[in-house]
Protein backbone atom coordinates (compact mmCIF):
# COMPACT_ATOMS: atom_id res chain seq x y z
CA MET A 1 -34.38 56.54 -26.87
CA GLY A 2 -37.12 56.78 -29.49
CA ILE A 3 -36.06 53.48 -31.04
CA VAL A 4 -36.37 51.72 -27.67
CA LEU A 5 -39.88 53.14 -27.18
CA ILE A 6 -40.99 52.11 -30.67
CA ALA A 7 -39.48 48.62 -30.31
CA GLY A 8 -41.14 48.20 -26.90
CA ALA A 9 -44.52 49.24 -28.28
CA VAL A 10 -44.19 46.85 -31.22
CA LEU A 11 -43.18 44.01 -28.89
CA LEU A 12 -46.14 44.72 -26.63
CA MET A 13 -48.55 44.69 -29.59
CA VAL A 14 -47.11 41.38 -30.82
CA LEU A 15 -47.51 39.78 -27.39
CA ILE A 16 -51.08 41.02 -27.06
CA GLY A 17 -51.89 39.78 -30.58
CA ARG A 18 -50.53 36.31 -29.79
CA LYS A 19 -52.52 36.12 -26.57
CA MET A 20 -55.74 37.08 -28.37
CA ALA A 21 -55.09 34.55 -31.16
CA GLU A 22 -54.84 31.61 -28.71
CA PRO A 23 -57.94 29.42 -28.75
CA ARG A 24 -60.01 29.88 -25.63
CA GLN A 25 -60.87 26.85 -23.59
CA ALA A 26 -64.53 26.06 -23.92
CA ASP A 27 -66.54 25.54 -20.81
CA CYS A 28 -66.63 21.98 -19.62
CA PRO A 29 -69.72 20.48 -21.30
CA GLY A 30 -69.87 17.50 -18.94
CA GLY A 31 -70.98 14.09 -19.98
CA GLN A 32 -72.81 10.97 -19.00
CA VAL A 33 -71.19 7.81 -17.65
CA ASP A 34 -72.90 4.42 -17.37
CA LEU A 35 -71.42 2.47 -14.45
CA GLN A 36 -74.32 0.04 -14.12
CA GLY A 37 -73.22 -3.51 -13.41
CA ARG A 38 -69.91 -2.38 -11.92
CA GLY A 39 -71.13 -2.20 -8.32
CA ILE A 40 -72.29 0.28 -5.71
CA MET A 41 -70.49 3.62 -5.40
CA VAL A 42 -68.88 3.81 -1.97
CA ASP A 43 -66.62 6.85 -2.46
CA SER A 44 -65.87 9.63 -4.94
CA ALA A 45 -63.45 12.53 -5.17
CA VAL A 46 -62.73 15.23 -7.74
CA GLU A 47 -59.14 16.24 -8.45
CA GLY A 48 -58.92 18.90 -11.14
CA GLN A 49 -60.71 17.56 -14.20
CA THR A 50 -60.71 13.94 -13.01
CA MET A 51 -63.29 12.24 -10.82
CA ARG A 52 -62.24 9.12 -8.91
CA VAL A 53 -65.10 6.74 -8.11
CA THR A 54 -64.73 3.69 -5.88
CA LEU A 55 -67.22 0.91 -6.60
CA GLN A 56 -67.83 -2.24 -4.57
CA LYS A 57 -69.45 -5.10 -6.49
CA ASN A 58 -69.29 -7.71 -3.74
CA GLU A 59 -67.09 -8.56 -0.82
CA GLY A 60 -63.53 -8.96 -2.06
CA HIS A 61 -64.12 -7.09 -5.36
CA THR A 62 -63.51 -3.33 -5.48
CA GLU A 63 -63.03 -1.20 -8.60
CA ILE A 64 -61.59 2.32 -8.82
CA VAL A 65 -62.64 4.21 -11.96
CA LEU A 66 -61.14 7.50 -13.20
CA ILE A 67 -63.54 9.67 -15.19
CA ASP A 68 -62.83 12.86 -17.16
CA ILE A 69 -65.62 15.16 -15.94
CA CYS A 70 -65.58 17.31 -19.08
CA THR A 71 -66.17 14.47 -21.53
CA GLY A 72 -67.62 11.73 -19.36
CA ALA A 73 -65.02 9.28 -20.69
CA VAL A 74 -63.55 6.62 -18.43
CA SER A 75 -59.82 7.31 -18.52
CA GLY A 76 -58.75 4.38 -16.37
CA ALA A 77 -59.94 1.59 -14.12
CA LEU A 78 -58.28 -0.54 -11.49
CA THR A 79 -59.89 -3.72 -10.16
CA LEU A 80 -58.89 -4.92 -6.70
CA LYS A 81 -59.56 -8.50 -5.69
CA THR A 82 -58.95 -9.14 -2.01
CA ASP A 83 -59.69 -11.80 0.54
CA LYS A 84 -63.18 -11.73 1.96
CA ALA A 85 -63.56 -10.54 5.53
CA SER A 86 -63.78 -13.37 8.03
CA ALA A 87 -66.86 -13.61 10.28
CA GLU A 88 -64.57 -14.67 13.15
CA GLU A 89 -62.85 -11.27 13.39
């Protein structure tokens, strides 16, 4: 019974030591993103650490940009070219 108690205590100390040795995640420093020239922001949403921004440059040209909010880096962009809306509708 004593061996089980000693082994359990040692195991617990090892697990606690490993947890304390893990690097802690730094707070999100944020960043700065220059989207000038890409259009007017018409929508945005944050999902976890990613911000999705929808930009409209002109009729028939929409761009969706994914931004990492902790670094400010653009992680992806999708350009949508569609037909222009008809004035007859």
